[in-house]
Amino acid sequence: MQLEVPGFGCLDLEHLVLDFNGTIARDGILLSNMDRTLKELAAQYTIHVVTADTGGTVAEALAGLPCSLQIIREGDEAEQKEAYIRALGPERVVCLGNGANDRLMLKAAALGIAVLEGEGTAVSALQHADIVARSVYDAMGLLMVPRRIVATLRS
């Protein structure tokens, strides 16, 4: 997706990086209709899910969906997620997350969107995001209707 945002800059996004629990899943279970939403977004983005997979459910939850999975090790999760973004080329990445361990990837990405879901959202994630969305569905709606991003970020 290419998008010119006055006062923010030009976005040329190729990768969508997602946190799992608290972002696209709750208690290890994919949110309702998330499978369909991921399939729709896969037409525009290469989708990556980066998670510590605390509940051990992510592989099963994402089976058959058009996304790659990166399970990170316990400890220094924020730094591992940031490194993943940097390896992709942060200028081509939009990411969504809610936790404290998402804060560095939200900051590193060309576009970081913090989401407010049932698990809650860490203040540090909010502080490092470019946009805060009231749900993951609203965040993904921004990606499906990019003029909403322009309306939010223009200055």
N, C-alpha and C. Protein backbone atom coordinates (compact mmCIF):
# COMPACT_ATOMS: atom_id res chain seq x y z
N MET A 1 0.85 -1.18 0.00
CA MET A 1 0.00 0.00 0.00
C MET A 1 0.89 1.23 0.00
N GLN A 2 0.64 2.11 -0.93
CA GLN A 2 1.33 3.39 -0.98
C GLN A 2 0.35 4.49 -0.59
N LEU A 3 0.84 5.38 0.27
CA LEU A 3 -0.04 6.41 0.81
C LEU A 3 0.77 7.63 1.17
N GLU A 4 0.34 8.78 0.70
CA GLU A 4 0.98 10.05 1.05
C GLU A 4 0.15 10.69 2.16
N VAL A 5 0.80 10.95 3.30
CA VAL A 5 0.12 11.54 4.44
C VAL A 5 0.75 12.91 4.71
N PRO A 6 0.04 14.00 4.40
CA PRO A 6 0.60 15.33 4.63
C PRO A 6 1.08 15.52 6.07
N GLY A 7 2.31 15.96 6.21
CA GLY A 7 2.88 16.21 7.52
C GLY A 7 3.43 14.96 8.20
N PHE A 8 3.16 13.78 7.66
CA PHE A 8 3.65 12.52 8.23
C PHE A 8 4.66 11.86 7.29
N GLY A 9 4.37 11.91 5.99
CA GLY A 9 5.27 11.35 5.01
C GLY A 9 4.60 10.33 4.11
N CYS A 10 5.42 9.73 3.27
CA CYS A 10 4.93 8.73 2.33
C CYS A 10 5.09 7.34 2.95
N LEU A 11 4.02 6.58 2.92
CA LEU A 11 4.06 5.20 3.41
C LEU A 11 4.02 4.27 2.20
N ASP A 12 4.92 3.32 2.18
CA ASP A 12 4.97 2.30 1.13
C ASP A 12 5.06 0.96 1.86
N LEU A 13 3.90 0.46 2.27
CA LEU A 13 3.83 -0.67 3.19
C LEU A 13 3.63 -1.99 2.45
N GLU A 14 4.41 -2.97 2.85
CA GLU A 14 4.37 -4.30 2.24
C GLU A 14 4.06 -5.39 3.27
N HIS A 15 4.54 -5.21 4.49
CA HIS A 15 4.41 -6.22 5.54
C HIS A 15 3.47 -5.76 6.65
N LEU A 16 2.60 -6.66 7.06
CA LEU A 16 1.73 -6.45 8.22
C LEU A 16 2.19 -7.42 9.29
N VAL A 17 2.69 -6.87 10.40
CA VAL A 17 3.18 -7.69 11.50
C VAL A 17 2.20 -7.56 12.66
N LEU A 18 1.77 -8.71 13.16
CA LEU A 18 0.75 -8.76 14.20
C LEU A 18 1.24 -9.49 15.44
N ASP A 19 0.91 -8.96 16.58
CA ASP A 19 1.01 -9.69 17.83
C ASP A 19 -0.16 -10.68 17.85
N PHE A 20 -0.08 -11.71 18.67
CA PHE A 20 -1.16 -12.70 18.71
C PHE A 20 -2.10 -12.42 19.88
N ASN A 21 -1.76 -12.87 21.10
CA ASN A 21 -2.66 -12.70 22.24
C ASN A 21 -2.84 -11.23 22.60
N GLY A 22 -4.08 -10.84 22.75
CA GLY A 22 -4.40 -9.46 23.07
C GLY A 22 -4.60 -8.59 21.84
N THR A 23 -4.18 -9.11 20.68
CA THR A 23 -4.32 -8.34 19.45
C THR A 23 -5.28 -9.03 18.49
N ILE A 24 -4.92 -10.21 17.97
CA ILE A 24 -5.82 -10.93 17.07
C ILE A 24 -6.43 -12.16 17.74
N ALA A 25 -6.05 -12.39 18.99
CA ALA A 25 -6.58 -13.54 19.74
C ALA A 25 -6.80 -13.13 21.19
N ARG A 26 -7.66 -13.88 21.85
CA ARG A 26 -7.90 -13.67 23.27
C ARG A 26 -7.83 -15.03 23.94
N ASP A 27 -7.01 -15.13 24.98
CA ASP A 27 -6.81 -16.39 25.69
C ASP A 27 -6.41 -17.51 24.74
N GLY A 28 -5.63 -17.17 23.72
CA GLY A 28 -5.13 -18.17 22.78
C GLY A 28 -6.09 -18.57 21.68
N ILE A 29 -7.26 -17.94 21.63
CA ILE A 29 -8.28 -18.29 20.63
C ILE A 29 -8.43 -17.10 19.67
N LEU A 30 -8.30 -17.38 18.37
CA LEU A 30 -8.44 -16.35 17.35
C LEU A 30 -9.80 -15.66 17.49
N LEU A 31 -9.82 -14.34 17.39
CA LEU A 31 -11.06 -13.58 17.50
C LEU A 31 -12.01 -13.93 16.36
N SER A 32 -13.28 -13.73 16.59
CA SER A 32 -14.33 -14.03 15.63
C SER A 32 -14.08 -13.36 14.28
N ASN A 33 -14.21 -14.10 13.21
CA ASN A 33 -14.03 -13.62 11.84
C ASN A 33 -12.62 -13.15 11.51
N MET A 34 -11.67 -13.35 12.42
CA MET A 34 -10.30 -12.91 12.16
C MET A 34 -9.70 -13.70 11.00
N ASP A 35 -10.07 -14.96 10.84
CA ASP A 35 -9.55 -15.75 9.73
C ASP A 35 -9.93 -15.10 8.40
N ARG A 36 -11.16 -14.69 8.27
CA ARG A 36 -11.63 -14.05 7.04
C ARG A 36 -10.93 -12.70 6.82
N THR A 37 -10.75 -11.95 7.90
CA THR A 37 -10.09 -10.65 7.80
C THR A 37 -8.63 -10.81 7.36
N LEU A 38 -7.94 -11.81 7.92
CA LEU A 38 -6.55 -12.05 7.53
C LEU A 38 -6.45 -12.45 6.06
N LYS A 39 -7.37 -13.27 5.61
CA LYS A 39 -7.38 -13.67 4.19
C LYS A 39 -7.58 -12.46 3.29
N GLU A 40 -8.45 -11.56 3.69
CA GLU A 40 -8.69 -10.35 2.90
C GLU A 40 -7.46 -9.46 2.85
N LEU A 41 -6.81 -9.26 3.99
CA LEU A 41 -5.63 -8.41 4.05
C LEU A 41 -4.42 -9.03 3.34
N ALA A 42 -4.40 -10.35 3.23
CA ALA A 42 -3.29 -11.03 2.56
C ALA A 42 -3.21 -10.67 1.08
N ALA A 43 -4.26 -10.12 0.51
CA ALA A 43 -4.22 -9.67 -0.87
C ALA A 43 -3.35 -8.42 -1.02
N GLN A 44 -3.16 -7.68 0.08
CA GLN A 44 -2.38 -6.43 0.05
C GLN A 44 -1.04 -6.54 0.76
N TYR A 45 -0.94 -7.41 1.75
CA TYR A 45 0.24 -7.45 2.61
C TYR A 45 0.75 -8.87 2.77
N THR A 46 2.04 -8.98 3.02
CA THR A 46 2.60 -10.22 3.52
C THR A 46 2.39 -10.17 5.04
N ILE A 47 1.67 -11.13 5.57
CA ILE A 47 1.28 -11.09 6.99
C ILE A 47 2.20 -11.97 7.83
N HIS A 48 2.64 -11.41 8.94
CA HIS A 48 3.52 -12.09 9.89
C HIS A 48 2.88 -12.01 11.28
N VAL A 49 2.90 -13.11 12.01
CA VAL A 49 2.47 -13.11 13.41
C VAL A 49 3.70 -13.40 14.24
N VAL A 50 4.01 -12.50 15.16
CA VAL A 50 5.19 -12.62 16.02
C VAL A 50 4.71 -12.70 17.46
N THR A 51 5.03 -13.79 18.13
CA THR A 51 4.46 -14.03 19.46
C THR A 51 5.37 -14.93 20.29
N ALA A 52 5.23 -14.82 21.59
CA ALA A 52 5.89 -15.76 22.50
C ALA A 52 5.04 -17.02 22.68
N ASP A 53 3.81 -16.99 22.22
CA ASP A 53 2.89 -18.13 22.26
C ASP A 53 2.80 -18.74 23.65
N THR A 54 2.54 -17.91 24.61
CA THR A 54 2.46 -18.34 26.01
C THR A 54 1.51 -19.51 26.21
N GLY A 55 0.38 -19.49 25.53
CA GLY A 55 -0.60 -20.57 25.70
C GLY A 55 -0.36 -21.79 24.83
N GLY A 56 0.58 -21.70 23.90
CA GLY A 56 0.88 -22.83 23.04
C GLY A 56 -0.19 -23.14 22.02
N THR A 57 -0.98 -22.14 21.62
CA THR A 57 -2.12 -22.39 20.72
C THR A 57 -1.98 -21.76 19.34
N VAL A 58 -0.96 -20.94 19.13
CA VAL A 58 -0.90 -20.13 17.92
C VAL A 58 -0.80 -20.96 16.65
N ALA A 59 -0.01 -22.00 16.62
CA ALA A 59 0.15 -22.80 15.39
C ALA A 59 -1.19 -23.39 14.95
N GLU A 60 -1.92 -23.92 15.90
CA GLU A 60 -3.23 -24.49 15.58
C GLU A 60 -4.22 -23.40 15.15
N ALA A 61 -4.20 -22.28 15.84
CA ALA A 61 -5.14 -21.19 15.54
C ALA A 61 -4.92 -20.61 14.15
N LEU A 62 -3.67 -20.60 13.69
CA LEU A 62 -3.35 -19.98 12.41
C LEU A 62 -3.23 -21.00 11.27
N ALA A 63 -3.43 -22.27 11.55
CA ALA A 63 -3.29 -23.31 10.53
C ALA A 63 -4.15 -22.99 9.31
N GLY A 64 -3.53 -23.02 8.15
CA GLY A 64 -4.24 -22.78 6.90
C GLY A 64 -4.44 -21.32 6.55
N LEU A 65 -4.03 -20.42 7.40
CA LEU A 65 -4.20 -18.99 7.11
C LEU A 65 -2.95 -18.44 6.42
N PRO A 66 -3.12 -17.40 5.59
CA PRO A 66 -2.02 -16.86 4.80
C PRO A 66 -1.10 -15.95 5.60
N CYS A 67 -0.38 -16.53 6.55
CA CYS A 67 0.55 -15.74 7.34
C CYS A 67 1.72 -16.60 7.78
N SER A 68 2.84 -15.96 8.00
CA SER A 68 3.98 -16.66 8.55
C SER A 68 3.97 -16.49 10.06
N LEU A 69 4.55 -17.43 10.75
CA LEU A 69 4.55 -17.43 12.21
C LEU A 69 5.97 -17.41 12.72
N GLN A 70 6.23 -16.48 13.63
CA GLN A 70 7.53 -16.40 14.30
C GLN A 70 7.29 -16.49 15.79
N ILE A 71 7.70 -17.59 16.40
CA ILE A 71 7.58 -17.74 17.85
C ILE A 71 8.90 -17.31 18.46
N ILE A 72 8.82 -16.33 19.34
CA ILE A 72 10.03 -15.81 19.99
C ILE A 72 10.20 -16.48 21.34
N ARG A 73 11.42 -16.46 21.83
CA ARG A 73 11.72 -17.10 23.12
C ARG A 73 11.33 -16.18 24.28
N GLU A 74 11.15 -16.76 25.42
CA GLU A 74 10.82 -15.99 26.62
C GLU A 74 12.03 -15.17 27.04
N GLY A 75 11.77 -13.96 27.45
CA GLY A 75 12.84 -13.03 27.83
C GLY A 75 13.14 -12.10 26.67
N ASP A 76 13.37 -10.88 26.92
CA ASP A 76 13.64 -9.80 25.95
C ASP A 76 12.73 -9.85 24.72
N GLU A 77 11.43 -10.10 24.96
CA GLU A 77 10.47 -10.20 23.86
C GLU A 77 10.38 -8.91 23.05
N ALA A 78 10.39 -7.77 23.70
CA ALA A 78 10.28 -6.49 22.99
C ALA A 78 11.43 -6.33 22.00
N GLU A 79 12.61 -6.66 22.42
CA GLU A 79 13.78 -6.54 21.57
C GLU A 79 13.73 -7.53 20.41
N GLN A 80 13.24 -8.74 20.66
CA GLN A 80 13.11 -9.72 19.58
C GLN A 80 12.09 -9.27 18.53
N LYS A 81 10.99 -8.71 18.99
CA LYS A 81 9.98 -8.23 18.05
C LYS A 81 10.53 -7.05 17.24
N GLU A 82 11.24 -6.16 17.89
CA GLU A 82 11.86 -5.04 17.17
C GLU A 82 12.85 -5.56 16.13
N ALA A 83 13.67 -6.53 16.49
CA ALA A 83 14.64 -7.09 15.56
C ALA A 83 13.95 -7.71 14.34
N TYR A 84 12.80 -8.32 14.56
CA TYR A 84 12.05 -8.91 13.45
C TYR A 84 11.62 -7.82 12.47
N ILE A 85 11.11 -6.71 13.01
CA ILE A 85 10.69 -5.57 12.18
C ILE A 85 11.89 -5.03 11.40
N ARG A 86 13.00 -4.87 12.07
CA ARG A 86 14.20 -4.33 11.44
C ARG A 86 14.71 -5.25 10.32
N ALA A 87 14.60 -6.55 10.51
CA ALA A 87 15.02 -7.50 9.48
C ALA A 87 14.14 -7.41 8.23
N LEU A 88 12.87 -7.09 8.40
CA LEU A 88 11.96 -6.94 7.26
C LEU A 88 12.19 -5.64 6.50
N GLY A 89 12.76 -4.66 7.19
CA GLY A 89 12.88 -3.31 6.63
C GLY A 89 11.77 -2.47 7.20
N PRO A 90 12.00 -1.80 8.33
CA PRO A 90 10.93 -1.11 9.06
C PRO A 90 10.15 -0.10 8.22
N GLU A 91 10.77 0.47 7.20
CA GLU A 91 10.09 1.46 6.37
C GLU A 91 8.97 0.84 5.53
N ARG A 92 8.89 -0.49 5.49
CA ARG A 92 7.87 -1.20 4.70
C ARG A 92 6.88 -1.95 5.58
N VAL A 93 6.91 -1.64 6.89
CA VAL A 93 6.13 -2.42 7.85
C VAL A 93 5.06 -1.58 8.55
N VAL A 94 3.87 -2.16 8.64
CA VAL A 94 2.83 -1.68 9.55
C VAL A 94 2.66 -2.78 10.58
N CYS A 95 2.57 -2.43 11.85
CA CYS A 95 2.37 -3.46 12.86
C CYS A 95 1.27 -3.08 13.83
N LEU A 96 0.66 -4.13 14.39
CA LEU A 96 -0.42 -3.97 15.37
C LEU A 96 -0.04 -4.74 16.62
N GLY A 97 -0.25 -4.11 17.77
CA GLY A 97 0.03 -4.77 19.03
C GLY A 97 -0.64 -4.06 20.17
N ASN A 98 -0.57 -4.69 21.35
CA ASN A 98 -1.22 -4.11 22.52
C ASN A 98 -0.37 -4.15 23.77
N GLY A 99 0.66 -4.97 23.78
CA GLY A 99 1.39 -5.21 25.02
C GLY A 99 2.66 -4.40 25.15
N ALA A 100 3.20 -4.40 26.37
CA ALA A 100 4.48 -3.73 26.61
C ALA A 100 5.57 -4.33 25.73
N ASN A 101 5.48 -5.63 25.45
CA ASN A 101 6.51 -6.22 24.60
C ASN A 101 6.31 -5.88 23.12
N ASP A 102 5.27 -5.13 22.79
CA ASP A 102 5.05 -4.66 21.42
C ASP A 102 5.56 -3.23 21.21
N ARG A 103 5.92 -2.56 22.28
CA ARG A 103 6.22 -1.14 22.21
C ARG A 103 7.35 -0.81 21.23
N LEU A 104 8.41 -1.61 21.22
CA LEU A 104 9.54 -1.29 20.35
C LEU A 104 9.23 -1.56 18.88
N MET A 105 8.43 -2.59 18.60
CA MET A 105 8.08 -2.84 17.19
C MET A 105 7.11 -1.76 16.71
N LEU A 106 6.22 -1.29 17.58
CA LEU A 106 5.31 -0.21 17.20
C LEU A 106 6.09 1.06 16.86
N LYS A 107 7.13 1.31 17.60
CA LYS A 107 7.96 2.49 17.37
C LYS A 107 8.82 2.33 16.12
N ALA A 108 9.36 1.14 15.90
CA ALA A 108 10.29 0.91 14.79
C ALA A 108 9.60 0.90 13.43
N ALA A 109 8.38 0.42 13.37
CA ALA A 109 7.66 0.28 12.10
C ALA A 109 7.33 1.64 11.49
N ALA A 110 7.19 1.67 10.18
CA ALA A 110 6.77 2.90 9.51
C ALA A 110 5.43 3.36 10.04
N LEU A 111 4.57 2.39 10.38
CA LEU A 111 3.27 2.70 10.95
C LEU A 111 2.96 1.71 12.06
N GLY A 112 2.86 2.20 13.27
CA GLY A 112 2.53 1.37 14.42
C GLY A 112 1.14 1.69 14.93
N ILE A 113 0.32 0.65 15.07
CA ILE A 113 -1.06 0.85 15.53
C ILE A 113 -1.27 0.03 16.81
N ALA A 114 -1.54 0.72 17.90
CA ALA A 114 -1.87 0.05 19.16
C ALA A 114 -3.37 -0.22 19.17
N VAL A 115 -3.73 -1.42 19.60
CA VAL A 115 -5.14 -1.79 19.62
C VAL A 115 -5.63 -1.98 21.05
N LEU A 116 -6.89 -1.64 21.26
CA LEU A 116 -7.53 -1.79 22.56
C LEU A 116 -8.50 -2.97 22.45
N GLU A 117 -8.14 -4.06 23.04
CA GLU A 117 -9.00 -5.25 23.04
C GLU A 117 -9.25 -5.67 24.48
N GLY A 118 -9.90 -6.77 24.69
CA GLY A 118 -10.31 -7.23 26.01
C GLY A 118 -9.18 -7.49 26.99
N GLU A 119 -7.99 -7.76 26.49
CA GLU A 119 -6.85 -8.00 27.37
C GLU A 119 -6.30 -6.71 27.95
N GLY A 120 -6.64 -5.60 27.33
CA GLY A 120 -6.10 -4.31 27.75
C GLY A 120 -4.93 -3.92 26.87
N THR A 121 -4.44 -2.72 27.09
CA THR A 121 -3.32 -2.19 26.30
C THR A 121 -2.34 -1.51 27.23
N ALA A 122 -1.07 -1.87 27.09
CA ALA A 122 -0.03 -1.28 27.92
C ALA A 122 0.17 0.19 27.55
N VAL A 123 0.35 1.03 28.54
CA VAL A 123 0.57 2.45 28.30
C VAL A 123 1.80 2.64 27.42
N SER A 124 2.83 1.84 27.60
CA SER A 124 4.04 1.98 26.78
C SER A 124 3.75 1.68 25.32
N ALA A 125 2.83 0.76 25.03
CA ALA A 125 2.44 0.50 23.65
C ALA A 125 1.74 1.72 23.06
N LEU A 126 0.86 2.33 23.83
CA LEU A 126 0.16 3.54 23.39
C LEU A 126 1.15 4.66 23.08
N GLN A 127 2.15 4.81 23.94
CA GLN A 127 3.10 5.90 23.80
C GLN A 127 4.01 5.75 22.58
N HIS A 128 4.19 4.53 22.11
CA HIS A 128 5.09 4.29 20.98
C HIS A 128 4.37 4.11 19.65
N ALA A 129 3.05 4.11 19.65
CA ALA A 129 2.27 3.91 18.44
C ALA A 129 2.02 5.24 17.72
N ASP A 130 1.78 5.14 16.43
CA ASP A 130 1.39 6.31 15.64
C ASP A 130 -0.12 6.53 15.72
N ILE A 131 -0.86 5.43 15.83
CA ILE A 131 -2.32 5.47 15.90
C ILE A 131 -2.77 4.52 17.00
N VAL A 132 -3.85 4.87 17.68
CA VAL A 132 -4.50 3.98 18.64
C VAL A 132 -5.90 3.70 18.10
N ALA A 133 -6.22 2.40 17.98
CA ALA A 133 -7.54 2.00 17.49
C ALA A 133 -8.30 1.30 18.60
N ARG A 134 -9.61 1.51 18.65
CA ARG A 134 -10.40 0.95 19.75
C ARG A 134 -10.58 -0.55 19.65
N SER A 135 -10.23 -1.15 18.51
CA SER A 135 -10.26 -2.60 18.37
C SER A 135 -9.35 -3.00 17.22
N VAL A 136 -9.02 -4.28 17.17
CA VAL A 136 -8.22 -4.77 16.06
C VAL A 136 -9.00 -4.66 14.75
N TYR A 137 -10.32 -4.80 14.83
CA TYR A 137 -11.14 -4.67 13.62
C TYR A 137 -11.08 -3.24 13.08
N ASP A 138 -11.11 -2.26 13.98
CA ASP A 138 -10.97 -0.87 13.55
C ASP A 138 -9.58 -0.63 12.96
N ALA A 139 -8.56 -1.20 13.58
CA ALA A 139 -7.19 -1.06 13.07
C ALA A 139 -7.08 -1.65 11.67
N MET A 140 -7.63 -2.84 11.48
CA MET A 140 -7.56 -3.47 10.17
C MET A 140 -8.43 -2.72 9.16
N GLY A 141 -9.50 -2.10 9.63
CA GLY A 141 -10.32 -1.26 8.76
C GLY A 141 -9.52 -0.08 8.22
N LEU A 142 -8.60 0.45 9.02
CA LEU A 142 -7.73 1.52 8.54
C LEU A 142 -6.91 1.05 7.35
N LEU A 143 -6.44 -0.19 7.41
CA LEU A 143 -5.62 -0.73 6.33
C LEU A 143 -6.45 -1.03 5.09
N MET A 144 -7.71 -1.34 5.29
CA MET A 144 -8.60 -1.63 4.16
C MET A 144 -9.13 -0.36 3.50
N VAL A 145 -9.21 0.73 4.29
CA VAL A 145 -9.68 2.03 3.78
C VAL A 145 -8.61 3.06 4.16
N PRO A 146 -7.52 3.12 3.40
CA PRO A 146 -6.35 3.93 3.78
C PRO A 146 -6.61 5.42 3.98
N ARG A 147 -7.66 5.96 3.38
CA ARG A 147 -7.91 7.40 3.58
C ARG A 147 -8.18 7.70 5.06
N ARG A 148 -8.59 6.69 5.82
CA ARG A 148 -8.78 6.88 7.26
C ARG A 148 -7.43 7.16 7.94
N ILE A 149 -6.39 6.52 7.46
CA ILE A 149 -5.04 6.77 8.01
C ILE A 149 -4.64 8.21 7.73
N VAL A 150 -4.89 8.65 6.51
CA VAL A 150 -4.58 10.04 6.12
C VAL A 150 -5.35 10.99 7.05
N ALA A 151 -6.62 10.75 7.25
CA ALA A 151 -7.45 11.63 8.09
C ALA A 151 -6.93 11.67 9.52
N THR A 152 -6.40 10.57 10.00
CA THR A 152 -5.92 10.50 11.38
C THR A 152 -4.54 11.15 11.56
N LEU A 153 -3.65 10.94 10.61
CA LEU A 153 -2.25 11.35 10.78
C LEU A 153 -1.87 12.69 10.14
N ARG A 154 -2.70 13.21 9.25
CA ARG A 154 -2.31 14.44 8.57
C ARG A 154 -2.14 15.58 9.57
N SER A 155 -1.23 16.47 9.25
CA SER A 155 -1.05 17.63 10.14
C SER A 155 -0.86 18.90 9.35
